[in-house]
Amino acid sequence: MSNTFTQRELEILRLLANGKQNKSIARELGISPFTVRDHLSAIFKKTGVASRFELGLLAVRGGYSVDSREDKSLLDL
């Protein structure tokens, strides 16, 4: 399990923590919803979570909600 996230994964994680759905994330970042899904799959693998809800909970607890710009590790929670 890796705790290194790409910059794009961190952007997607922040948006997910703020309650955005894949289509909204895709629109905001100018990418395809399928690309968002692929990035989320990579984040799931890296964190070991099995659901979007669980990932969102970890992200919020880790300080990724609102306008967090600080790089953190969800695995340190």
C-alpha atoms as a PDB file:
ATOM      1  CA  MET A   1       0.000   0.000   0.000  1.00  0.00           C
ATOM      2  CA  SER A   2       1.414   3.363  -1.011  1.00  0.00           C
ATOM      3  CA  ASN A   3       0.699   6.706   0.617  1.00  0.00           C
ATOM      4  CA  THR A   4       2.116   8.777  -2.233  1.00  0.00           C
ATOM      5  CA  PHE A   5      -0.592  10.586  -4.156  1.00  0.00           C
ATOM      6  CA  THR A   6      -0.171  12.372  -7.443  1.00  0.00           C
ATOM      7  CA  GLN A   7      -1.115  16.033  -7.620  1.00  0.00           C
ATOM      8  CA  ARG A   8      -4.224  15.127  -9.616  1.00  0.00           C
ATOM      9  CA  GLU A   9      -5.246  12.489  -7.057  1.00  0.00           C
ATOM     10  CA  LEU A  10      -4.962  15.102  -4.312  1.00  0.00           C
ATOM     11  CA  GLU A  11      -7.130  17.525  -6.307  1.00  0.00           C
ATOM     12  CA  ILE A  12      -9.758  14.840  -6.798  1.00  0.00           C
ATOM     13  CA  LEU A  13      -9.564  13.843  -3.139  1.00  0.00           C
ATOM     14  CA  ARG A  14     -10.153  17.441  -2.029  1.00  0.00           C
ATOM     15  CA  LEU A  15     -13.170  17.781  -4.309  1.00  0.00           C
ATOM     16  CA  LEU A  16     -14.567  14.438  -3.159  1.00  0.00           C
ATOM     17  CA  ALA A  17     -14.142  15.514   0.479  1.00  0.00           C
ATOM     18  CA  ASN A  18     -16.219  18.581  -0.349  1.00  0.00           C
ATOM     19  CA  GLY A  19     -19.080  16.410  -1.567  1.00  0.00           C
ATOM     20  CA  LYS A  20     -18.545  16.635  -5.322  1.00  0.00           C
ATOM     21  CA  GLN A  21     -19.689  13.822  -7.604  1.00  0.00           C
ATOM     22  CA  ASN A  22     -17.523  12.453 -10.437  1.00  0.00           C
ATOM     23  CA  LYS A  23     -19.227  14.561 -13.125  1.00  0.00           C
ATOM     24  CA  SER A  24     -18.725  17.761 -11.117  1.00  0.00           C
ATOM     25  CA  ILE A  25     -15.110  16.870 -10.386  1.00  0.00           C
ATOM     26  CA  ALA A  26     -14.520  16.156 -14.069  1.00  0.00           C
ATOM     27  CA  ARG A  27     -16.106  19.431 -15.146  1.00  0.00           C
ATOM     28  CA  GLU A  28     -14.096  21.444 -12.617  1.00  0.00           C
ATOM     29  CA  LEU A  29     -10.789  19.827 -13.597  1.00  0.00           C
ATOM     30  CA  GLY A  30     -11.493  19.679 -17.333  1.00  0.00           C
ATOM     31  CA  ILE A  31     -11.167  15.899 -17.538  1.00  0.00           C
ATOM     32  CA  SER A  32     -13.462  12.988 -18.338  1.00  0.00           C
ATOM     33  CA  PRO A  33     -15.644  11.397 -15.621  1.00  0.00           C
ATOM     34  CA  PHE A  34     -13.969   8.114 -16.626  1.00  0.00           C
ATOM     35  CA  THR A  35     -10.579   9.629 -15.790  1.00  0.00           C
ATOM     36  CA  VAL A  36     -11.943  10.723 -12.408  1.00  0.00           C
ATOM     37  CA  ARG A  37     -13.134   7.142 -11.845  1.00  0.00           C
ATOM     38  CA  ASP A  38      -9.662   5.815 -12.713  1.00  0.00           C
ATOM     39  CA  HIS A  39      -7.984   8.232 -10.301  1.00  0.00           C
ATOM     40  CA  LEU A  40     -10.449   7.273  -7.554  1.00  0.00           C
ATOM     41  CA  SER A  41      -9.675   3.590  -8.171  1.00  0.00           C
ATOM     42  CA  ALA A  42      -5.982   4.329  -7.705  1.00  0.00           C
ATOM     43  CA  ILE A  43      -6.720   6.230  -4.482  1.00  0.00           C
ATOM     44  CA  PHE A  44      -8.853   3.315  -3.220  1.00  0.00           C
ATOM     45  CA  LYS A  45      -5.920   0.954  -3.797  1.00  0.00           C
ATOM     46  CA  LYS A  46      -3.429   3.263  -2.118  1.00  0.00           C
ATOM     47  CA  THR A  47      -5.584   3.782   0.966  1.00  0.00           C
ATOM     48  CA  GLY A  48      -7.084   0.316   1.187  1.00  0.00           C
ATOM     49  CA  VAL A  49     -10.652   1.620   1.388  1.00  0.00           C
ATOM     50  CA  ALA A  50     -13.518  -0.092  -0.399  1.00  0.00           C
ATOM     51  CA  SER A  51     -16.093   2.657  -0.854  1.00  0.00           C
ATOM     52  CA  ARG A  52     -16.475   6.276  -1.833  1.00  0.00           C
ATOM     53  CA  PHE A  53     -18.113   6.974   1.537  1.00  0.00           C
ATOM     54  CA  GLU A  54     -15.167   5.514   3.444  1.00  0.00           C
ATOM     55  CA  LEU A  55     -12.705   7.473   1.309  1.00  0.00           C
ATOM     56  CA  GLY A  56     -14.675  10.681   1.844  1.00  0.00           C
ATOM     57  CA  LEU A  57     -14.682  10.088   5.590  1.00  0.00           C
ATOM     58  CA  LEU A  58     -10.921   9.540   5.628  1.00  0.00           C
ATOM     59  CA  ALA A  59     -10.409  12.637   3.487  1.00  0.00           C
ATOM     60  CA  VAL A  60     -12.486  14.855   5.774  1.00  0.00           C
ATOM     61  CA  ARG A  61     -10.795  13.474   8.884  1.00  0.00           C
ATOM     62  CA  GLY A  62      -7.437  14.023   7.209  1.00  0.00           C
ATOM     63  CA  GLY A  63      -8.185  17.694   6.555  1.00  0.00           C
ATOM     64  CA  TYR A  64      -8.812  17.486   2.826  1.00  0.00           C
ATOM     65  CA  SER A  65     -12.189  19.206   2.926  1.00  0.00           C
ATOM     66  CA  VAL A  66     -12.924  22.865   2.170  1.00  0.00           C
ATOM     67  CA  ASP A  67      -9.760  24.497   0.787  1.00  0.00           C
ATOM     68  CA  SER A  68      -6.983  22.356   2.213  1.00  0.00           C
ATOM     69  CA  ARG A  69      -3.787  22.701   0.191  1.00  0.00           C
ATOM     70  CA  GLU A  70      -1.402  20.942   2.570  1.00  0.00           C
ATOM     71  CA  ASP A  71      -0.141  17.560   1.354  1.00  0.00           C
ATOM     72  CA  LYS A  72      -1.062  14.927   3.924  1.00  0.00           C
ATOM     73  CA  SER A  73      -1.161  11.165   4.158  1.00  0.00           C
ATOM     74  CA  LEU A  74      -4.494   9.471   4.746  1.00  0.00           C
ATOM     75  CA  LEU A  75      -2.642   6.397   5.918  1.00  0.00           C
ATOM     76  CA  ASP A  76      -1.315   8.237   8.980  1.00  0.00           C
ATOM     77  CA  LEU A  77      -4.803   8.689  10.453  1.00  0.00           C
END
